[in-house]
C-alpha cells in the first residue's frame, strides 16, 4: 500500500479518506451537514478515481438528542460513531476521532466541524495538495479570498492576533490557525501526540506540526529527516452568532495564547 512518493505515485487498491466530525448539541444542523456531505460526492484522486470516504461522528456528551441521531447514522456502512457520557471539548473529541481513523487504516484524515460554518464542498480543494504529493498537512484559511459571512469585528481581530503570535513562535507564515478545516496525511497523524481537550487543540496542532520532522530517505536511513510540508487552502465560512449556537468564547482565546507559548517553547 505504501509507495515512495505521495498518494498519486502509490500503487494502491483504494485511498481511504476519514472525515472526523466532532459533534456537541447539533440536533438541528447535523442532518443538514450529512446531507450536504453526501451531496458533494467522494473525493477524486489525480488519476480520476474516487477515494473511499468514511465519516467518523464523535459525540461529545450531547444532551439535545444529537446522540440519537448519531446512533442512527452509525447504521450506515460509511459511518462510524463514537460517544461520550460527558462534554469534554473539541480537542478530546478530535483525539478519539483521530485514533479511530488510524485504526481503520485511513490514508488521509480531514476535520469537519458539525455546525456547518465550514462547507464540505471545500473538501476536494483542501485534500488536493496531499493527493498531489505536495503536502503532508493542510490548514484551511478564512482570510484568503473565499466567501464568508460578515460577523463580529473583534473576533476577526482576536483571530488575527492569535495567528500572529503563533507565527512568531512557530516561524510559520499562516493566516488563520483557528480555522476548523485541517487535513493530515496518515504518517503525520501517527506522530501527532495531542493533549488539549478544548479549543486549545488548534494552536497545539500548529505548534507540533511546525516542529515535526518526517523521514525523507529510505526506511531506516539514519539522520534523514525533513520539515513538514504545510499548505494553506482558502475555504468559505458561514459563521454563527452566539444566539445561533456559537460555542467559542473569550476564555478560549486566552487559552489559545497560553497553548501557543506552552507548545512552542516547552
Protein backbone atom coordinates (compact mmCIF):
# COMPACT_ATOMS: atom_id res chain seq x y z
CA UNK A 1 0.00 0.00 0.00
CA UNK A 2 2.82 2.45 0.73
CA UNK A 3 4.78 3.88 -2.20
CA UNK A 4 7.87 6.06 -2.33
CA UNK A 5 6.16 9.33 -3.18
CA UNK A 6 2.81 11.00 -2.48
CA UNK A 7 -0.58 9.37 -2.75
CA UNK A 8 -0.64 9.96 -6.50
CA UNK A 9 2.51 7.85 -7.00
CA UNK A 10 1.47 4.89 -4.85
CA UNK A 11 0.14 1.66 -6.23
CA UNK A 12 -3.00 1.23 -4.13
CA UNK A 13 -6.31 -0.54 -4.33
CA UNK A 14 -8.02 2.45 -2.75
CA UNK A 15 -7.26 5.60 -0.79
CA UNK A 16 -9.30 5.95 2.39
CA UNK A 17 -10.24 9.47 3.47
CA UNK A 18 -11.61 9.67 7.02
CA UNK A 19 -13.75 12.72 7.77
CA UNK A 20 -13.66 13.28 11.53
CA UNK A 21 -16.61 15.33 12.81
CA UNK A 22 -16.72 16.35 16.50
CA UNK A 23 -20.35 16.94 17.49
CA UNK A 24 -21.91 18.61 20.51
CA UNK A 25 -25.61 19.56 20.67
CA UNK A 26 -26.16 19.90 16.91
CA UNK A 27 -29.53 18.13 16.58
CA UNK A 28 -30.81 20.64 14.00
CA UNK A 29 -27.69 21.07 11.90
CA UNK A 30 -26.21 17.57 11.85
CA UNK A 31 -28.78 16.21 9.35
CA UNK A 32 -28.12 19.22 7.09
CA UNK A 33 -24.37 18.64 7.30
CA UNK A 34 -24.70 14.95 6.46
CA UNK A 35 -26.99 15.75 3.53
CA UNK A 36 -24.51 18.31 2.21
CA UNK A 37 -21.62 15.92 2.71
CA UNK A 38 -23.44 13.21 0.75
CA UNK A 39 -24.24 15.72 -1.99
CA UNK A 40 -20.57 16.59 -2.51
CA UNK A 41 -19.71 13.04 -3.50
CA UNK A 42 -16.48 11.24 -2.72
CA UNK A 43 -13.09 12.97 -3.17
CA UNK A 44 -11.44 12.47 -6.55
CA UNK A 45 -7.77 11.46 -6.88
CA UNK A 46 -5.43 12.97 -9.50
CA UNK A 47 -5.88 9.95 -11.79
CA UNK A 48 -9.65 10.42 -11.78
CA UNK A 49 -10.55 7.55 -9.47
CA UNK A 50 -12.69 8.14 -6.40
CA UNK A 51 -11.33 7.76 -2.89
CA UNK A 52 -13.21 5.77 -0.26
CA UNK A 53 -14.72 8.20 2.23
CA UNK A 54 -15.59 7.17 5.78
CA UNK A 55 -17.27 9.53 8.22
CA UNK A 56 -16.43 9.37 11.94
CA UNK A 57 -19.03 11.12 14.10
CA UNK A 58 -17.73 11.83 17.59
CA UNK A 59 -20.47 12.80 20.04
CA UNK A 60 -19.07 14.89 22.89
CA UNK A 61 -21.73 14.31 25.51
CA UNK A 62 -24.68 15.91 23.69
CA UNK A 63 -27.87 16.48 25.69
CA UNK A 64 -30.28 17.62 22.94
CA UNK A 65 -30.88 14.30 21.18
CA UNK A 66 -27.88 14.54 18.88
CA UNK A 67 -26.63 11.24 20.29
CA UNK A 68 -29.78 9.53 18.99
CA UNK A 69 -29.19 10.94 15.51
CA UNK A 70 -25.58 9.77 15.56
CA UNK A 71 -26.66 6.27 16.57
CA UNK A 72 -28.97 6.23 13.56
CA UNK A 73 -26.21 7.39 11.20
CA UNK A 74 -23.92 4.67 12.55
CA UNK A 75 -26.15 2.11 10.82
CA UNK A 76 -24.63 3.26 7.52
CA UNK A 77 -21.61 1.34 6.24
CA UNK A 78 -19.66 4.55 5.65
CA UNK A 79 -20.20 5.97 9.15
CA UNK A 80 -18.59 5.14 12.49
CA UNK A 81 -19.94 6.68 15.69
CA UNK A 82 -18.17 7.34 18.98
CA UNK A 83 -19.94 8.57 22.10
CA UNK A 84 -19.07 10.12 25.45
CA UNK A 85 -21.18 10.47 28.59
CA UNK A 86 -19.95 13.98 29.37
CA UNK A 87 -18.81 17.01 27.41
CA UNK A 88 -15.01 17.12 27.33
CA UNK A 89 -14.42 19.58 24.49
CA UNK A 90 -13.45 19.65 20.82
CA UNK A 91 -9.87 18.55 21.44
CA UNK A 92 -10.96 15.47 23.34
CA UNK A 93 -13.42 14.55 20.59
CA UNK A 94 -10.80 15.03 17.87
CA UNK A 95 -8.29 12.82 19.66
CA UNK A 96 -10.82 9.99 19.84
CA UNK A 97 -11.77 10.50 16.21
CA UNK A 98 -8.14 10.52 15.08
CA UNK A 99 -7.46 7.25 16.90
CA UNK A 100 -10.47 5.64 15.23
CA UNK A 101 -9.35 6.91 11.80
CA UNK A 102 -5.87 5.44 12.21
CA UNK A 103 -7.26 2.15 13.50
CA UNK A 104 -9.45 1.77 10.41
CA UNK A 105 -6.43 2.32 8.14
CA UNK A 106 -7.23 5.81 6.83
CA UNK A 107 -4.62 7.28 4.47
CA UNK A 108 -5.80 10.89 4.86
CA UNK A 109 -7.75 12.44 7.74
CA UNK A 110 -9.86 15.59 7.34
CA UNK A 111 -11.52 17.58 10.14
CA UNK A 112 -15.04 18.90 9.52
CA UNK A 113 -16.98 20.87 12.14
CA UNK A 114 -20.60 19.81 12.68
CA UNK A 115 -22.10 23.31 12.78
CA UNK A 116 -21.95 23.98 9.00
CA UNK A 117 -19.72 27.03 9.45
CA UNK A 118 -17.44 25.15 7.03
CA UNK A 119 -18.74 23.72 3.76
CA UNK A 120 -17.99 20.11 2.71
CA UNK A 121 -17.82 21.45 -0.86
CA UNK A 122 -14.32 22.71 0.04
CA UNK A 123 -13.05 19.22 0.91
CA UNK A 124 -11.67 18.48 -2.55
CA UNK A 125 -9.59 21.67 -2.58
CA UNK A 126 -8.31 21.00 0.94
CA UNK A 127 -7.35 17.43 0.09
CA UNK A 128 -5.73 18.20 -3.26
CA UNK A 129 -2.22 19.23 -2.05
CA UNK A 130 -1.94 15.89 -0.21
CA UNK A 131 -3.40 13.91 -3.11
CA UNK A 132 -0.84 15.56 -5.41
CA UNK A 133 2.04 14.63 -3.12
CA UNK A 134 2.94 18.28 -2.43
CA UNK A 135 1.83 18.48 1.20
CA UNK A 136 1.87 16.47 4.42
CA UNK A 137 -0.70 18.68 6.17
CA UNK A 138 -3.18 21.33 5.03
CA UNK A 139 -4.68 24.13 7.10
CA UNK A 140 -7.70 26.00 5.83
CA UNK A 141 -7.93 29.77 5.94
CA UNK A 142 -10.96 32.06 6.02
CA UNK A 143 -8.89 35.12 5.15
CA UNK A 144 -7.58 34.50 1.62
CA UNK A 145 -10.43 35.37 -0.69
CA UNK A 146 -13.23 32.85 -0.26
CA UNK A 147 -16.83 33.80 0.56
CA UNK A 148 -17.54 34.39 4.24
CA UNK A 149 -20.41 35.65 6.34
CA UNK A 150 -19.77 39.10 7.84
CA UNK A 151 -19.96 38.90 11.63
CA UNK A 152 -18.01 40.05 14.67
CA UNK A 153 -15.18 42.54 14.05
CA UNK A 154 -13.41 41.87 17.36
CA UNK A 155 -13.49 38.12 16.71
CA UNK A 156 -11.56 38.69 13.49
CA UNK A 157 -9.08 40.90 15.33
CA UNK A 158 -8.60 38.23 18.00
CA UNK A 159 -8.14 35.51 15.37
CA UNK A 160 -5.51 37.51 13.54
CA UNK A 161 -3.70 38.35 16.77
CA UNK A 162 -3.64 34.71 17.86
CA UNK A 163 -2.32 33.72 14.44
CA UNK A 164 0.34 36.46 14.59
CA UNK A 165 1.59 35.28 17.99
CA UNK A 166 1.58 31.65 16.79
CA UNK A 167 3.59 32.58 13.70
CA UNK A 168 6.15 34.47 15.79
CA UNK A 169 6.88 31.37 17.86
CA UNK A 170 6.42 28.67 15.21
CA UNK A 171 8.14 30.60 12.40
CA UNK A 172 5.30 29.71 10.03
CA UNK A 173 3.50 32.27 7.85
CA UNK A 174 -0.07 31.08 8.30
CA UNK A 175 -3.09 33.39 8.10
CA UNK A 176 -5.68 31.52 10.19
CA UNK A 177 -4.53 28.91 12.72
CA UNK A 178 -8.02 28.74 14.25
CA UNK A 179 -9.66 27.55 11.03
CA UNK A 180 -11.58 24.33 11.66
CA UNK A 181 -10.66 22.74 8.33
CA UNK A 182 -7.46 20.74 8.71
CA UNK A 183 -6.13 17.75 6.76
CA UNK A 184 -3.35 15.31 7.67
CA UNK A 185 -1.56 12.53 5.85
CA UNK A 186 -1.51 9.34 7.89
CA UNK A 187 2.21 9.49 8.65
CA UNK A 188 1.70 12.93 10.21
CA UNK A 189 -1.23 11.98 12.41
CA UNK A 190 0.61 8.88 13.62
CA UNK A 191 3.26 11.19 15.11
CA UNK A 192 0.94 13.92 16.37
CA UNK A 193 0.55 13.43 20.13
CA UNK A 194 -2.16 15.84 21.27
CA UNK A 195 -3.23 16.77 24.80
CA UNK A 196 -5.66 19.70 24.73
CA UNK A 197 -9.33 18.97 25.48
CA UNK A 198 -10.96 22.16 24.24
CA UNK A 199 -10.27 24.72 21.51
CA UNK A 200 -6.61 24.92 22.56
CA UNK A 201 -6.21 21.93 20.25
CA UNK A 202 -5.89 24.32 17.27
CA UNK A 203 -2.70 26.17 18.35
CA UNK A 204 -1.34 22.91 19.80
CA UNK A 205 -1.68 21.21 16.41
CA UNK A 206 0.07 24.07 14.61
CA UNK A 207 2.92 24.22 17.12
CA UNK A 208 3.56 20.48 16.83
CA UNK A 209 3.31 20.47 13.04
CA UNK A 210 5.92 23.24 12.91
CA UNK A 211 8.39 21.12 14.89
CA UNK A 212 7.67 17.77 13.27
CA UNK A 213 10.20 16.04 11.04
CA UNK A 214 9.49 13.19 8.64
CA UNK A 215 11.85 10.65 7.11
CA UNK A 216 12.97 11.83 3.67
CA UNK A 217 15.00 8.80 2.59
CA UNK A 218 14.59 5.03 2.59
CA UNK A 219 13.11 3.49 5.72
CA UNK A 220 15.68 3.13 8.45
CA UNK A 221 18.14 5.62 6.92
CA UNK A 222 19.68 7.28 9.97
CA UNK A 223 19.72 11.08 10.09
CA UNK A 224 17.49 11.55 7.05
CA UNK A 225 14.63 13.86 8.01
CA UNK A 226 12.86 16.88 6.59
CA UNK A 227 10.50 19.60 7.70
CA UNK A 228 6.80 19.02 7.29
CA UNK A 229 5.30 20.38 4.07
CA UNK A 230 2.36 22.51 5.23
CA UNK A 231 -0.05 24.16 2.79
CA UNK A 232 -2.86 26.67 3.27
CA UNK A 233 -6.08 26.43 1.26
CA UNK A 234 -8.83 29.10 1.24
CA UNK A 235 -12.21 27.85 2.47
CA UNK A 236 -15.61 29.52 2.68
CA UNK A 237 -17.00 30.41 6.08
CA UNK A 238 -20.59 30.83 7.28
CA UNK A 239 -20.03 31.76 10.91
CA UNK A 240 -22.77 31.59 13.53
CA UNK A 241 -23.82 34.13 16.13
CA UNK A 242 -23.97 33.17 19.79
CA UNK A 243 -27.76 33.16 19.52
CA UNK A 244 -27.41 30.57 16.76
CA UNK A 245 -25.22 28.33 18.90
CA UNK A 246 -21.61 29.54 18.59
CA UNK A 247 -19.63 27.95 21.42
CA UNK A 248 -16.17 29.56 21.49
CA UNK A 249 -15.62 32.47 23.89
CA UNK A 250 -13.00 34.88 25.22
CA UNK A 251 -11.66 32.31 27.70
CA UNK A 252 -10.79 30.08 24.75
CA UNK A 253 -8.82 32.98 23.26
CA UNK A 254 -6.80 33.35 26.44
CA UNK A 255 -6.20 29.59 26.48
CA UNK A 256 -5.06 29.75 22.85
CA UNK A 257 -2.30 32.24 23.74
CA UNK A 258 -1.20 30.03 26.64
CA UNK A 259 -1.12 26.98 24.36
CA UNK A 260 0.99 28.86 21.81
CA UNK A 261 3.58 29.61 24.48
CA UNK A 262 3.36 26.18 26.07
CA UNK A 263 3.71 24.03 22.97
CA UNK A 264 6.19 26.21 21.08
CA UNK A 265 8.54 26.90 23.99
CA UNK A 266 8.22 23.80 26.15
